[in-house]
PDB file of N, CA and C in Angstrom:
ATOM      1  N   MET A   1       1.068  -1.057   0.427  1.00  0.00           N
ATOM      2  CA  MET A   1       0.170   0.263  -0.191  1.00  0.00           C
ATOM      3  C   MET A   1       0.901   1.081  -0.288  1.00  0.00           C
ATOM      4  N   THR A   2       0.857   2.210  -0.592  1.00  0.00           N
ATOM      5  CA  THR A   2       1.265   3.403  -0.790  1.00  0.00           C
ATOM      6  C   THR A   2       0.319   4.630  -0.353  1.00  0.00           C
ATOM      7  N   ILE A   3       0.894   5.737   0.219  1.00  0.00           N
ATOM      8  CA  ILE A   3       0.437   6.697   0.997  1.00  0.00           C
ATOM      9  C   ILE A   3       1.300   8.382   0.220  1.00  0.00           C
ATOM     10  N   GLU A   4       0.528   8.774  -0.938  1.00  0.00           N
ATOM     11  CA  GLU A   4       1.309   9.990  -1.309  1.00  0.00           C
ATOM     12  C   GLU A   4       0.675  11.431  -0.809  1.00  0.00           C
ATOM     13  N   PRO A   5       1.013  11.846   0.300  1.00  0.00           N
ATOM     14  CA  PRO A   5       0.869  13.213   0.623  1.00  0.00           C
ATOM     15  C   PRO A   5       1.239  14.348  -0.693  1.00  0.00           C
ATOM     16  N   PHE A   6       0.387  15.045  -0.744  1.00  0.00           N
ATOM     17  CA  PHE A   6       0.816  16.186  -1.586  1.00  0.00           C
ATOM     18  C   PHE A   6       0.502  17.439  -0.656  1.00  0.00           C
ATOM     19  N   LEU A   7       1.679  18.345  -0.516  1.00  0.00           N
ATOM     20  CA  LEU A   7       1.657  19.355   0.079  1.00  0.00           C
ATOM     21  C   LEU A   7       1.679  21.263  -0.896  1.00  0.00           C
ATOM     22  N   ALA A   8       1.131  21.559  -0.755  1.00  0.00           N
ATOM     23  CA  ALA A   8       0.639  22.847  -1.788  1.00  0.00           C
ATOM     24  C   ALA A   8       0.417  24.279  -1.115  1.00  0.00           C
ATOM     25  N   THR A   9       0.768  25.522  -1.909  1.00  0.00           N
ATOM     26  CA  THR A   9       0.275  26.400  -0.980  1.00  0.00           C
ATOM     27  C   THR A   9      -0.666  27.086  -2.568  1.00  0.00           C
ATOM     28  N   ARG A  10      -1.351  28.093  -2.209  1.00  0.00           N
ATOM     29  CA  ARG A  10      -2.175  28.694  -3.494  1.00  0.00           C
ATOM     30  C   ARG A  10      -2.870  27.810  -4.309  1.00  0.00           C
ATOM     31  N   SER A  11      -2.878  26.686  -4.147  1.00  0.00           N
ATOM     32  CA  SER A  11      -4.273  25.554  -4.619  1.00  0.00           C
ATOM     33  C   SER A  11      -4.726  24.406  -3.896  1.00  0.00           C
ATOM     34  N   ARG A  12      -5.854  24.588  -4.329  1.00  0.00           N
ATOM     35  CA  ARG A  12      -6.456  23.306  -3.196  1.00  0.00           C
ATOM     36  C   ARG A  12      -6.492  21.865  -4.459  1.00  0.00           C
ATOM     37  N   SER A  13      -6.498  22.234  -5.601  1.00  0.00           N
ATOM     38  CA  SER A  13      -6.697  21.226  -6.734  1.00  0.00           C
ATOM     39  C   SER A  13      -5.494  21.540  -7.697  1.00  0.00           C
ATOM     40  N   TYR A  14      -5.569  20.446  -7.865  1.00  0.00           N
ATOM     41  CA  TYR A  14      -4.549  20.204  -9.317  1.00  0.00           C
ATOM     42  C   TYR A  14      -4.847  19.668 -10.776  1.00  0.00           C
ATOM     43  N   VAL A  15      -4.378  19.695 -11.864  1.00  0.00           N
ATOM     44  CA  VAL A  15      -4.611  19.514 -13.374  1.00  0.00           C
ATOM     45  C   VAL A  15      -3.191  18.597 -13.573  1.00  0.00           C
ATOM     46  N   GLU A  16      -3.825  17.710 -14.911  1.00  0.00           N
ATOM     47  CA  GLU A  16      -3.012  16.382 -15.141  1.00  0.00           C
ATOM     48  C   GLU A  16      -2.997  17.111 -16.760  1.00  0.00           C
ATOM     49  N   ASP A  17      -1.440  17.104 -16.809  1.00  0.00           N
ATOM     50  CA  ASP A  17      -0.790  17.016 -18.407  1.00  0.00           C
ATOM     51  C   ASP A  17      -1.640  16.257 -19.264  1.00  0.00           C
ATOM     52  N   SER A  18      -1.336  16.468 -20.571  1.00  0.00           N
ATOM     53  CA  SER A  18      -1.522  15.464 -21.599  1.00  0.00           C
ATOM     54  C   SER A  18      -0.884  14.102 -21.187  1.00  0.00           C
ATOM     55  N   ASP A  19       0.247  14.039 -21.187  1.00  0.00           N
ATOM     56  CA  ASP A  19       1.492  13.023 -20.543  1.00  0.00           C
ATOM     57  C   ASP A  19       0.704  11.977 -19.585  1.00  0.00           C
ATOM     58  N   GLY A  20      -0.464  12.301 -19.058  1.00  0.00           N
ATOM     59  CA  GLY A  20      -1.269  11.089 -18.039  1.00  0.00           C
ATOM     60  C   GLY A  20      -0.334  11.078 -16.628  1.00  0.00           C
ATOM     61  N   TRP A  21       0.726  11.495 -16.624  1.00  0.00           N
ATOM     62  CA  TRP A  21       1.494  11.963 -15.587  1.00  0.00           C
ATOM     63  C   TRP A  21       1.814  12.957 -14.863  1.00  0.00           C
ATOM     64  N   THR A  22       2.169  13.579 -15.377  1.00  0.00           N
ATOM     65  CA  THR A  22       2.436  15.492 -14.475  1.00  0.00           C
ATOM     66  C   THR A  22       1.283  16.075 -14.250  1.00  0.00           C
ATOM     67  N   LEU A  23       1.387  16.523 -12.716  1.00  0.00           N
ATOM     68  CA  LEU A  23       0.397  16.958 -12.119  1.00  0.00           C
ATOM     69  C   LEU A  23       0.540  18.476 -12.062  1.00  0.00           C
ATOM     70  N   ARG A  24      -0.053  19.532 -12.054  1.00  0.00           N
ATOM     71  CA  ARG A  24       0.518  21.025 -11.922  1.00  0.00           C
ATOM     72  C   ARG A  24      -0.573  21.686 -10.935  1.00  0.00           C
ATOM     73  N   LEU A  25      -0.495  22.241 -10.084  1.00  0.00           N
ATOM     74  CA  LEU A  25      -1.489  23.089  -9.218  1.00  0.00           C
ATOM     75  C   LEU A  25      -2.306  23.986 -10.007  1.00  0.00           C
ATOM     76  N   ALA A  26      -3.627  23.926  -9.524  1.00  0.00           N
ATOM     77  CA  ALA A  26      -4.623  24.349 -10.736  1.00  0.00           C
ATOM     78  C   ALA A  26      -4.640  25.817 -10.726  1.00  0.00           C
ATOM     79  N   ASN A  27      -4.071  26.387  -9.021  1.00  0.00           N
ATOM     80  CA  ASN A  27      -4.086  28.198  -9.185  1.00  0.00           C
ATOM     81  C   ASN A  27      -2.551  28.765  -9.032  1.00  0.00           C
ATOM     82  N   GLY A  28      -1.648  27.417  -9.469  1.00  0.00           N
ATOM     83  CA  GLY A  28      -0.068  28.233  -9.585  1.00  0.00           C
ATOM     84  C   GLY A  28       0.458  28.071  -8.222  1.00  0.00           C
ATOM     85  N   GLY A  29       1.358  28.355  -7.623  1.00  0.00           N
ATOM     86  CA  GLY A  29       2.129  28.111  -6.215  1.00  0.00           C
ATOM     87  C   GLY A  29       3.243  27.083  -6.190  1.00  0.00           C
ATOM     88  N   PHE A  30       3.668  26.873  -5.358  1.00  0.00           N
ATOM     89  CA  PHE A  30       4.412  25.748  -5.132  1.00  0.00           C
ATOM     90  C   PHE A  30       3.794  24.503  -4.493  1.00  0.00           C
ATOM     91  N   GLY A  31       4.342  22.973  -4.972  1.00  0.00           N
ATOM     92  CA  GLY A  31       4.127  22.044  -4.618  1.00  0.00           C
ATOM     93  C   GLY A  31       5.031  20.699  -3.759  1.00  0.00           C
ATOM     94  N   ALA A  32       4.989  19.795  -3.278  1.00  0.00           N
ATOM     95  CA  ALA A  32       5.423  19.542  -2.881  1.00  0.00           C
ATOM     96  C   ALA A  32       4.964  17.629  -3.265  1.00  0.00           C
ATOM     97  N   GLN A  33       5.478  16.395  -3.424  1.00  0.00           N
ATOM     98  CA  GLN A  33       4.877  15.375  -3.064  1.00  0.00           C
ATOM     99  C   GLN A  33       5.934  14.098  -2.778  1.00  0.00           C
ATOM    100  N   PHE A  34       5.579  13.287  -2.005  1.00  0.00           N
ATOM    101  CA  PHE A  34       6.147  12.640  -1.450  1.00  0.00           C
ATOM    102  C   PHE A  34       5.650  11.278  -1.148  1.00  0.00           C
ATOM    103  N   GLU A  35       6.110  10.159  -1.029  1.00  0.00           N
ATOM    104  CA  GLU A  35       5.582   8.505  -1.013  1.00  0.00           C
ATOM    105  C   GLU A  35       5.902   7.766   0.266  1.00  0.00           C
ATOM    106  N   HIS A  36       5.254   7.336   0.961  1.00  0.00           N
ATOM    107  CA  HIS A  36       5.703   6.151   1.572  1.00  0.00           C
ATOM    108  C   HIS A  36       4.547   5.084   1.591  1.00  0.00           C
ATOM    109  N   THR A  37       5.719   3.544   1.454  1.00  0.00           N
ATOM    110  CA  THR A  37       5.272   2.503   0.819  1.00  0.00           C
ATOM    111  C   THR A  37       5.280   1.492   2.080  1.00  0.00           C
ATOM    112  N   PHE A  38       4.023   0.532   2.362  1.00  0.00           N
ATOM    113  CA  PHE A  38       4.469  -0.232   3.461  1.00  0.00           C
ATOM    114  C   PHE A  38       3.484  -1.408   3.182  1.00  0.00           C
ATOM    115  N   ILE A  39       3.624  -2.729   3.830  1.00  0.00           N
ATOM    116  CA  ILE A  39       2.874  -3.830   3.850  1.00  0.00           C
ATOM    117  C   ILE A  39       2.143  -4.112   4.565  1.00  0.00           C
ATOM    118  N   VAL A  40       0.956  -4.127   4.664  1.00  0.00           N
ATOM    119  CA  VAL A  40       0.007  -4.578   5.776  1.00  0.00           C
ATOM    120  C   VAL A  40       0.083  -5.866   5.552  1.00  0.00           C
ATOM    121  N   THR A  41      -0.040  -6.735   7.513  1.00  0.00           N
ATOM    122  CA  THR A  41       0.136  -7.623   7.753  1.00  0.00           C
ATOM    123  C   THR A  41      -1.015  -7.679   8.874  1.00  0.00           C
ATOM    124  N   LYS A  42      -1.048  -8.695   9.449  1.00  0.00           N
ATOM    125  CA  LYS A  42      -2.309  -9.113  10.602  1.00  0.00           C
ATOM    126  C   LYS A  42      -1.457  -8.608  12.007  1.00  0.00           C
ATOM    127  N   GLY A  43       0.097  -8.758  12.493  1.00  0.00           N
ATOM    128  CA  GLY A  43       0.605  -7.503  12.976  1.00  0.00           C
ATOM    129  C   GLY A  43       0.623  -6.298  12.814  1.00  0.00           C
ATOM    130  N   ALA A  44       2.004  -5.621  13.026  1.00  0.00           N
ATOM    131  CA  ALA A  44       2.468  -4.505  12.512  1.00  0.00           C
ATOM    132  C   ALA A  44       2.568  -4.170  11.280  1.00  0.00           C
ATOM    133  N   PRO A  45       2.612  -3.440  10.657  1.00  0.00           N
ATOM    134  CA  PRO A  45       2.581  -3.068   9.330  1.00  0.00           C
ATOM    135  C   PRO A  45       4.380  -2.991   9.117  1.00  0.00           C
ATOM    136  N   ILE A  46       4.669  -3.392   7.888  1.00  0.00           N
ATOM    137  CA  ILE A  46       5.908  -3.476   7.198  1.00  0.00           C
ATOM    138  C   ILE A  46       6.482  -1.994   6.695  1.00  0.00           C
ATOM    139  N   VAL A  47       7.075  -1.346   7.078  1.00  0.00           N
ATOM    140  CA  VAL A  47       7.586  -0.057   6.366  1.00  0.00           C
ATOM    141  C   VAL A  47       8.622  -0.336   5.414  1.00  0.00           C
ATOM    142  N   LEU A  48       8.386   0.255   4.125  1.00  0.00           N
ATOM    143  CA  LEU A  48       9.663   0.089   2.885  1.00  0.00           C
ATOM    144  C   LEU A  48      10.468   1.308   2.639  1.00  0.00           C
ATOM    145  N   THR A  49       9.557   2.559   3.475  1.00  0.00           N
ATOM    146  CA  THR A  49      10.328   3.426   2.564  1.00  0.00           C
ATOM    147  C   THR A  49      10.524   4.570   4.318  1.00  0.00           C
ATOM    148  N   ASP A  50      11.472   5.334   4.319  1.00  0.00           N
ATOM    149  CA  ASP A  50      11.881   6.278   5.320  1.00  0.00           C
ATOM    150  C   ASP A  50      11.441   7.463   4.909  1.00  0.00           C
TER     151      ASP A  50
END
């Protein structure tokens, strides 16, 4: 499972470029995205990223 928080200034939404991959802030501003990947188990989760 992956959680991908996206932090942004001046925009609350994004638009997708025609390449189907690139995201841009709808109202401009600065944005940062990062990713946390983990495995769900019956016990504690296994975190794969720092």
